[in-house]
Amino acid sequence: MRRIYAVEPSDAGIAEDSVRLDHDQRNRRRMVYTTESGRAIMLDMQRPVHLRDGQLLRLEDGALVRVDAMPEALIEIHAHSTAELVRIAWHLGNRHLPTQLLTGPNGGTLRIRHDHVIAEMVEGLGGHCLPVLAPFDPEGGAYDGAGASSGHGHGHHHHHDHEHEHG
């Protein structure tokens, strides 16, 4: 099995193959992936990595494999004002939900994984939900060091003087 030894930017060369991965598969320390051509390649890093759409995986033999982020069932959240959107973002963060932040000509947009209960909450807060299929690349956590969302863990490596409230 070929091993991945580095993650490189999309302009580092020309890929000979690709892997289609969802968000969870793109956030790993160790995992075996199957490329589009059916080859097994192994990710085995010292720390978890966050693979982004278009990045290249450098294999031991020098070959490059492109990361293609798979579309996932998401909810795109819009609001009438920035204040409403910030309030919705606060409620999503209070629930530790991985959230993707998007900007555009009409203001900000949030994306979360599809969840009908959360969609009802968002609409109750004045937001508008639109189901979409798109790659999911949520904002990283403050303590993960790599800008990658790593779920609901609270494995802080330092002391801080505040409590965590869970809704």
Protein backbone atom coordinates (compact mmCIF):
# COMPACT_ATOMS: atom_id res chain seq x y z
CA MET A 1 0.00 0.00 0.00
CA ARG A 2 1.28 3.44 -0.92
CA ARG A 3 1.68 5.90 1.96
CA ILE A 4 0.92 9.61 2.02
CA TYR A 5 3.80 11.55 3.49
CA ALA A 6 2.81 15.17 2.84
CA VAL A 7 -0.14 17.42 2.09
CA GLU A 8 0.62 20.09 -0.49
CA PRO A 9 -1.21 23.05 -2.05
CA SER A 10 -3.22 22.60 -5.23
CA ASP A 11 -0.51 24.24 -7.36
CA ALA A 12 2.28 21.85 -6.26
CA GLY A 13 2.00 19.71 -9.38
CA ILE A 14 -0.27 17.56 -11.49
CA ALA A 15 -2.23 14.78 -9.81
CA GLU A 16 -2.29 11.31 -11.32
CA ASP A 17 -5.41 10.32 -9.39
CA SER A 18 -7.96 11.67 -6.90
CA VAL A 19 -9.88 10.74 -3.76
CA ARG A 20 -13.46 11.87 -3.13
CA LEU A 21 -13.91 12.50 0.59
CA ASP A 22 -16.64 13.91 2.82
CA HIS A 23 -15.86 16.29 5.69
CA ASP A 24 -15.26 13.55 8.27
CA GLN A 25 -12.92 11.64 5.95
CA ARG A 26 -10.93 14.84 5.35
CA ASN A 27 -10.25 15.25 9.08
CA ARG A 28 -8.11 12.33 10.14
CA ARG A 29 -4.75 11.31 11.48
CA ARG A 30 -4.75 7.78 10.16
CA MET A 31 -6.98 6.25 7.50
CA VAL A 32 -6.85 4.17 4.33
CA TYR A 33 -8.44 5.88 1.32
CA THR A 34 -9.36 4.34 -2.01
CA THR A 35 -8.57 6.53 -5.02
CA GLU A 36 -10.91 6.96 -7.98
CA SER A 37 -8.77 4.43 -9.89
CA GLY A 38 -9.23 1.88 -7.07
CA ARG A 39 -5.81 2.10 -5.40
CA ALA A 40 -5.43 2.04 -1.61
CA ILE A 41 -3.35 4.84 -0.08
CA MET A 42 -2.66 5.33 3.63
CA LEU A 43 -2.73 8.57 5.57
CA ASP A 44 -0.60 8.15 8.71
CA MET A 45 0.34 11.50 10.23
CA GLN A 46 1.65 12.50 13.66
CA ARG A 47 -1.39 14.74 14.22
CA PRO A 48 -4.84 14.94 12.65
CA VAL A 49 -4.90 16.86 9.38
CA HIS A 50 -7.67 18.84 7.74
CA LEU A 51 -7.64 18.15 4.02
CA ARG A 52 -9.20 20.84 1.87
CA ASP A 53 -10.75 20.56 -1.56
CA GLY A 54 -8.06 20.69 -4.25
CA GLN A 55 -5.09 19.95 -2.00
CA LEU A 56 -2.61 17.34 -3.14
CA LEU A 57 -1.46 14.27 -1.26
CA ARG A 58 2.22 13.49 -1.92
CA LEU A 59 2.87 9.74 -1.87
CA GLU A 60 6.16 8.05 -0.94
CA ASP A 61 7.01 7.49 -4.59
CA GLY A 62 6.47 11.19 -5.42
CA ALA A 63 3.07 10.73 -7.10
CA LEU A 64 0.30 13.24 -6.34
CA VAL A 65 -3.35 12.49 -5.55
CA ARG A 66 -5.90 15.37 -5.54
CA VAL A 67 -8.45 15.72 -2.73
CA ASP A 68 -11.99 16.29 -4.04
CA ALA A 69 -14.48 17.32 -1.35
CA MET A 70 -17.73 15.39 -1.78
CA PRO A 71 -21.05 17.23 -1.72
CA GLU A 72 -23.05 16.57 1.44
CA ALA A 73 -26.62 17.28 2.56
CA LEU A 74 -26.40 20.72 4.18
CA ILE A 75 -28.62 23.57 5.22
CA GLU A 76 -27.74 27.05 4.03
CA ILE A 77 -28.90 29.67 6.53
CA HIS A 78 -29.76 33.26 5.60
CA ALA A 79 -31.17 36.07 7.73
CA HIS A 80 -32.70 39.52 7.15
CA SER A 81 -29.90 41.29 8.99
CA THR A 82 -26.36 40.79 10.21
CA ALA A 83 -27.63 40.99 13.80
CA GLU A 84 -30.07 38.09 13.18
CA LEU A 85 -27.36 36.02 11.52
CA VAL A 86 -24.95 36.64 14.41
CA ARG A 87 -27.64 35.59 16.88
CA ILE A 88 -28.27 32.38 14.91
CA ALA A 89 -24.50 31.73 14.74
CA TRP A 90 -24.31 32.13 18.52
CA HIS A 91 -27.03 29.49 19.01
CA LEU A 92 -25.29 27.09 16.61
CA GLY A 93 -21.98 27.63 18.40
CA ASN A 94 -23.62 27.12 21.79
CA ARG A 95 -24.62 23.67 20.52
CA HIS A 96 -21.07 23.03 19.25
CA LEU A 97 -22.34 22.46 15.70
CA PRO A 98 -19.68 22.56 12.98
CA THR A 99 -20.58 25.64 10.94
CA GLN A 100 -19.23 26.92 7.64
CA LEU A 101 -19.11 30.70 7.25
CA LEU A 102 -19.62 32.13 3.76
CA THR A 103 -19.56 35.71 2.55
CA GLY A 104 -21.08 37.06 -0.61
CA PRO A 105 -22.52 40.14 -2.29
CA ASN A 106 -25.76 39.82 -0.28
CA GLY A 107 -24.08 39.38 3.11
CA GLY A 108 -23.18 36.35 5.15
CA THR A 109 -24.45 32.81 4.96
CA LEU A 110 -24.00 29.88 7.32
CA ARG A 111 -23.91 26.21 6.37
CA ILE A 112 -24.48 23.29 8.70
CA ARG A 113 -25.14 19.61 8.19
CA HIS A 114 -28.78 18.86 7.46
CA ASP A 115 -30.75 18.51 10.69
CA HIS A 116 -34.48 19.18 10.72
CA VAL A 117 -34.57 19.98 14.45
CA ILE A 118 -31.86 22.64 14.09
CA ALA A 119 -33.59 23.99 10.96
CA GLU A 120 -36.77 24.51 13.03
CA MET A 121 -34.74 26.32 15.70
CA VAL A 122 -33.13 28.57 13.07
CA GLU A 123 -36.49 29.43 11.55
CA GLY A 124 -37.84 30.17 15.03
CA LEU A 125 -34.98 32.67 15.40
CA GLY A 126 -36.01 34.40 12.17
CA GLY A 127 -33.58 32.65 9.83
CA HIS A 128 -34.31 31.04 6.48
CA CYS A 129 -33.09 27.53 5.65
CA LEU A 130 -32.36 26.21 2.20
CA PRO A 131 -31.32 22.57 1.69
CA VAL A 132 -28.22 22.29 -0.52
CA LEU A 133 -25.77 19.65 -1.67
CA ALA A 134 -22.27 21.09 -1.37
CA PRO A 135 -18.84 20.30 0.03
CA PHE A 136 -18.73 21.00 3.78
CA ASP A 137 -15.75 22.90 5.17
CA PRO A 138 -16.72 24.27 8.58
CA GLU A 139 -14.79 26.83 10.55
CA GLY A 140 -12.08 25.34 12.76
CA GLY A 141 -12.19 25.31 16.52
CA ALA A 142 -10.24 27.73 18.67
CA TYR A 143 -8.19 24.96 20.29
CA ASP A 144 -7.46 22.58 17.42
CA GLY A 145 -4.43 24.47 16.14
CA ALA A 146 -5.02 23.62 12.49
CA GLY A 147 -8.21 25.53 11.71
CA ALA A 148 -10.13 22.30 11.42
CA SER A 149 -13.32 21.41 13.17
CA SER A 150 -12.83 18.25 15.15
CA GLY A 151 -16.25 17.55 16.56
CA HIS A 152 -17.39 18.12 20.11
CA GLY A 153 -14.19 17.50 22.11
CA HIS A 154 -13.11 19.67 24.99
CA GLY A 155 -9.55 18.37 25.19
CA HIS A 156 -7.97 21.72 26.02
CA HIS A 157 -4.26 21.64 26.75
CA HIS A 158 -4.28 24.68 29.00
CA HIS A 159 -6.22 26.15 31.88
CA HIS A 160 -8.83 28.85 31.45
CA ASP A 161 -11.26 30.42 33.88
CA HIS A 162 -14.67 29.91 32.35
CA GLU A 163 -17.40 27.34 32.34
CA HIS A 164 -18.87 25.64 29.29
CA GLU A 165 -22.65 25.89 29.01
CA HIS A 166 -24.41 23.25 26.93
CA GLY A 167 -27.88 23.87 25.55
